[in-house]
Amino acid sequence: MGTLDLLAGIIGSDGHLSKQQPAVYVINKNKRFLENTVKPLLEEFTNKQVKLKFRTDGFGKGNYWIQVYSPWLWKILIKNTEYHRGRNQQ
């Protein structure tokens, strides 16, 4: 399994692809997992600094989340997986 496969699996279970823009979201309660696994993978594939945020209200309240804008990654995930935009992939 490659790192893109790993990232796709994480997004499939803990994230989604935006409907409105080419953005990828991952949300999880485990801050360490996001910092040590998800953040480095997203930075590797997007060449962008990714920030971890904490949700204090709304959907995902009490969870950490990462959002990254990447047309390239967004298109690859849609093209090479059965992901649909705008919802969790379960």
Protein backbone atom coordinates (compact mmCIF):
# COMPACT_ATOMS: atom_id res chain seq x y z
CA MET A 1 0.00 0.00 0.00
CA GLY A 2 1.34 3.40 -0.95
CA THR A 3 1.06 6.64 0.96
CA LEU A 4 -1.65 7.94 -1.38
CA ASP A 5 -3.68 4.80 -0.65
CA LEU A 6 -3.20 5.39 3.08
CA LEU A 7 -4.31 9.02 2.77
CA ALA A 8 -7.32 8.02 0.65
CA GLY A 9 -8.35 5.49 3.31
CA ILE A 10 -8.08 8.07 6.07
CA ILE A 11 -10.14 10.58 4.09
CA GLY A 12 -12.66 7.83 3.33
CA SER A 13 -13.18 7.06 7.00
CA ASP A 14 -12.58 10.40 8.73
CA GLY A 15 -13.08 13.02 6.06
CA HIS A 16 -14.75 14.20 2.91
CA LEU A 17 -14.24 16.12 -0.30
CA SER A 18 -15.89 19.53 -0.55
CA LYS A 19 -18.75 20.07 -2.99
CA GLN A 20 -18.09 23.78 -3.49
CA GLN A 21 -14.32 23.87 -3.92
CA PRO A 22 -11.41 21.47 -4.43
CA ALA A 23 -10.78 21.04 -0.72
CA VAL A 24 -10.16 17.97 1.41
CA TYR A 25 -11.27 17.71 5.05
CA VAL A 26 -10.27 15.26 7.79
CA ILE A 27 -11.84 15.39 11.26
CA ASN A 28 -10.95 13.27 14.29
CA LYS A 29 -10.83 13.44 18.09
CA ASN A 30 -7.28 12.10 18.15
CA LYS A 31 -5.06 15.17 17.89
CA ARG A 32 -1.86 13.08 17.88
CA PHE A 33 -3.08 10.99 14.92
CA LEU A 34 -3.88 14.12 12.92
CA GLU A 35 -0.55 15.78 13.78
CA ASN A 36 1.69 12.74 13.29
CA THR A 37 -0.02 10.91 10.41
CA VAL A 38 -2.58 12.98 8.51
CA LYS A 39 -0.84 16.36 8.55
CA PRO A 40 2.48 15.03 7.13
CA LEU A 41 0.65 13.09 4.40
CA LEU A 42 -1.40 16.11 3.34
CA GLU A 43 1.69 18.32 3.35
CA GLU A 44 3.57 15.75 1.26
CA PHE A 45 0.88 15.63 -1.42
CA THR A 46 -0.01 19.33 -1.49
CA ASN A 47 3.32 21.04 -0.68
CA LYS A 48 1.38 23.30 1.68
CA GLN A 49 1.59 24.03 5.38
CA VAL A 50 -1.45 22.42 6.98
CA LYS A 51 -2.93 23.70 10.24
CA LEU A 52 -4.83 21.68 12.78
CA LYS A 53 -7.94 23.40 14.14
CA PHE A 54 -10.32 22.62 16.99
CA ARG A 55 -14.10 22.76 16.45
CA THR A 56 -15.95 24.52 19.26
CA ASP A 57 -19.39 24.48 17.63
CA GLY A 58 -21.44 23.00 14.82
CA PHE A 59 -20.72 19.72 13.07
CA GLY A 60 -17.74 17.98 14.62
CA LYS A 61 -17.90 19.99 17.86
CA GLY A 62 -15.12 18.87 20.18
CA ASN A 63 -13.01 17.40 17.38
CA TYR A 64 -9.85 18.47 15.64
CA TRP A 65 -9.93 19.01 11.91
CA ILE A 66 -7.74 19.79 8.94
CA GLN A 67 -8.78 21.47 5.71
CA VAL A 68 -6.52 21.79 2.71
CA TYR A 69 -7.25 23.38 -0.66
CA SER A 70 -5.72 21.24 -3.41
CA PRO A 71 -7.27 20.92 -6.87
CA TRP A 72 -4.71 18.25 -7.79
CA LEU A 73 -5.35 16.00 -4.75
CA TRP A 74 -9.12 16.54 -4.95
CA LYS A 75 -9.20 15.46 -8.63
CA ILE A 76 -6.93 12.44 -8.01
CA LEU A 77 -9.15 11.22 -5.17
CA ILE A 78 -12.33 11.56 -7.26
CA LYS A 79 -10.77 9.99 -10.34
CA ASN A 80 -9.00 7.05 -8.66
CA THR A 81 -11.54 6.18 -5.98
CA GLU A 82 -15.28 5.87 -5.68
CA TYR A 83 -15.45 8.97 -3.49
CA HIS A 84 -18.27 11.39 -3.95
CA ARG A 85 -18.04 15.05 -3.14
CA GLY A 86 -19.66 16.48 -0.05
CA ARG A 87 -20.26 13.51 2.21
CA ASN A 88 -18.48 10.96 4.32
CA GLN A 89 -17.37 8.05 2.20
CA GLN A 90 -18.81 5.16 4.26
